[in-house]
Amino acid sequence: AIAASAECDVFLSVGTSSVVYPAAELPDTALASGACVVEVNPQTTPFTARAHFVLQGLSGVFLPVLLDALKSGV
């Protein structure tokens, strides 16, 4: 997961508190490698201020919308 985070173009951080390590370092790894980082979470996290995009709400609501947008090429 660390290697994939360092090589991705887009990183989705979904439904995590961003405080449990080593998983909490993955968005930072992606960010440091130049990836666009999107956080989807009902609450703010320690990472929220650093994310490129923050979708504050339930992943069950936002992820289908994101998937539909990707399918339609928006």
C-alpha atoms as a PDB file:
ATOM      1  CA  ALA A   1       0.000   0.000   0.000  1.00  0.00           C
ATOM      2  CA  ILE A   2       2.864   2.387   0.728  1.00  0.00           C
ATOM      3  CA  ALA A   3       4.448   1.745  -2.668  1.00  0.00           C
ATOM      4  CA  ALA A   4       1.093   2.140  -4.444  1.00  0.00           C
ATOM      5  CA  SER A   5       0.473   5.412  -2.574  1.00  0.00           C
ATOM      6  CA  ALA A   6       3.831   6.713  -3.725  1.00  0.00           C
ATOM      7  CA  GLU A   7       3.062   5.888  -7.363  1.00  0.00           C
ATOM      8  CA  CYS A   8      -0.606   6.839  -7.754  1.00  0.00           C
ATOM      9  CA  ASP A   9      -1.992   9.870  -9.581  1.00  0.00           C
ATOM     10  CA  VAL A  10      -5.143  10.130  -7.459  1.00  0.00           C
ATOM     11  CA  PHE A  11      -5.601   8.897  -3.904  1.00  0.00           C
ATOM     12  CA  LEU A  12      -9.008   8.487  -2.285  1.00  0.00           C
ATOM     13  CA  SER A  13      -8.984   8.552   1.505  1.00  0.00           C
ATOM     14  CA  VAL A  14     -12.413   7.166   2.386  1.00  0.00           C
ATOM     15  CA  GLY A  15     -13.993   6.810   5.813  1.00  0.00           C
ATOM     16  CA  THR A  16     -10.849   6.853   7.909  1.00  0.00           C
ATOM     17  CA  SER A  17      -9.955   8.804  11.016  1.00  0.00           C
ATOM     18  CA  SER A  18      -6.411   9.323   9.667  1.00  0.00           C
ATOM     19  CA  VAL A  19      -4.936   8.601  13.089  1.00  0.00           C
ATOM     20  CA  VAL A  20      -4.191   4.857  13.019  1.00  0.00           C
ATOM     21  CA  TYR A  21      -0.723   4.068  11.683  1.00  0.00           C
ATOM     22  CA  PRO A  22       0.645   2.830   9.357  1.00  0.00           C
ATOM     23  CA  ALA A  23      -2.506   3.407   7.272  1.00  0.00           C
ATOM     24  CA  ALA A  24      -2.695   7.069   8.321  1.00  0.00           C
ATOM     25  CA  GLU A  25       0.558   7.807   6.494  1.00  0.00           C
ATOM     26  CA  LEU A  26      -0.792   6.682   3.102  1.00  0.00           C
ATOM     27  CA  PRO A  27      -2.486   9.973   2.122  1.00  0.00           C
ATOM     28  CA  ASP A  28       0.657  11.890   3.128  1.00  0.00           C
ATOM     29  CA  THR A  29       2.782   9.532   1.039  1.00  0.00           C
ATOM     30  CA  ALA A  30       0.536  10.108  -1.971  1.00  0.00           C
ATOM     31  CA  LEU A  31       0.544  13.865  -1.413  1.00  0.00           C
ATOM     32  CA  ALA A  32       4.339  13.991  -1.124  1.00  0.00           C
ATOM     33  CA  SER A  33       4.577  12.056  -4.399  1.00  0.00           C
ATOM     34  CA  GLY A  34       2.437  14.575  -6.252  1.00  0.00           C
ATOM     35  CA  ALA A  35      -0.901  12.759  -6.269  1.00  0.00           C
ATOM     36  CA  CYS A  36      -4.216  14.538  -6.046  1.00  0.00           C
ATOM     37  CA  VAL A  37      -5.700  13.518  -2.703  1.00  0.00           C
ATOM     38  CA  VAL A  38      -9.449  13.399  -2.113  1.00  0.00           C
ATOM     39  CA  GLU A  39     -10.816  12.840   1.376  1.00  0.00           C
ATOM     40  CA  VAL A  40     -14.349  11.453   1.812  1.00  0.00           C
ATOM     41  CA  ASN A  41     -15.443  11.429   5.432  1.00  0.00           C
ATOM     42  CA  PRO A  42     -18.379  12.598   7.561  1.00  0.00           C
ATOM     43  CA  GLN A  43     -16.012  14.382   9.966  1.00  0.00           C
ATOM     44  CA  THR A  44     -12.833  16.352   9.576  1.00  0.00           C
ATOM     45  CA  THR A  45      -9.597  14.490  10.252  1.00  0.00           C
ATOM     46  CA  PRO A  46      -6.011  15.515  10.963  1.00  0.00           C
ATOM     47  CA  PHE A  47      -5.431  15.221   7.189  1.00  0.00           C
ATOM     48  CA  THR A  48      -8.408  17.322   6.017  1.00  0.00           C
ATOM     49  CA  ALA A  49      -6.517  20.618   5.738  1.00  0.00           C
ATOM     50  CA  ARG A  50      -3.919  19.043   3.426  1.00  0.00           C
ATOM     51  CA  ALA A  51      -6.292  17.238   1.045  1.00  0.00           C
ATOM     52  CA  HIS A  52      -6.827  18.770  -2.385  1.00  0.00           C
ATOM     53  CA  PHE A  53     -10.540  18.017  -2.228  1.00  0.00           C
ATOM     54  CA  VAL A  54     -12.714  17.234   0.782  1.00  0.00           C
ATOM     55  CA  LEU A  55     -16.141  15.660   0.406  1.00  0.00           C
ATOM     56  CA  GLN A  56     -17.577  15.886   3.889  1.00  0.00           C
ATOM     57  CA  GLY A  57     -20.305  13.293   4.119  1.00  0.00           C
ATOM     58  CA  LEU A  58     -21.025   9.611   3.836  1.00  0.00           C
ATOM     59  CA  SER A  59     -19.005   7.537   1.407  1.00  0.00           C
ATOM     60  CA  GLY A  60     -22.194   5.700   0.388  1.00  0.00           C
ATOM     61  CA  VAL A  61     -23.486   9.012  -0.935  1.00  0.00           C
ATOM     62  CA  PHE A  62     -20.347  10.483  -2.504  1.00  0.00           C
ATOM     63  CA  LEU A  63     -18.676   7.424  -4.057  1.00  0.00           C
ATOM     64  CA  PRO A  64     -21.571   6.537  -6.405  1.00  0.00           C
ATOM     65  CA  VAL A  65     -21.643  10.179  -7.592  1.00  0.00           C
ATOM     66  CA  LEU A  66     -17.889  10.079  -8.233  1.00  0.00           C
ATOM     67  CA  LEU A  67     -18.172   6.794 -10.100  1.00  0.00           C
ATOM     68  CA  ASP A  68     -21.004   8.109 -12.277  1.00  0.00           C
ATOM     69  CA  ALA A  69     -18.972  11.252 -13.064  1.00  0.00           C
ATOM     70  CA  LEU A  70     -15.969   9.129 -14.085  1.00  0.00           C
ATOM     71  CA  LYS A  71     -18.128   6.931 -16.297  1.00  0.00           C
ATOM     72  CA  SER A  72     -19.596   9.949 -18.065  1.00  0.00           C
ATOM     73  CA  GLY A  73     -16.200  11.582 -18.502  1.00  0.00           C
ATOM     74  CA  VAL A  74     -16.999  14.689 -16.467  1.00  0.00           C
END
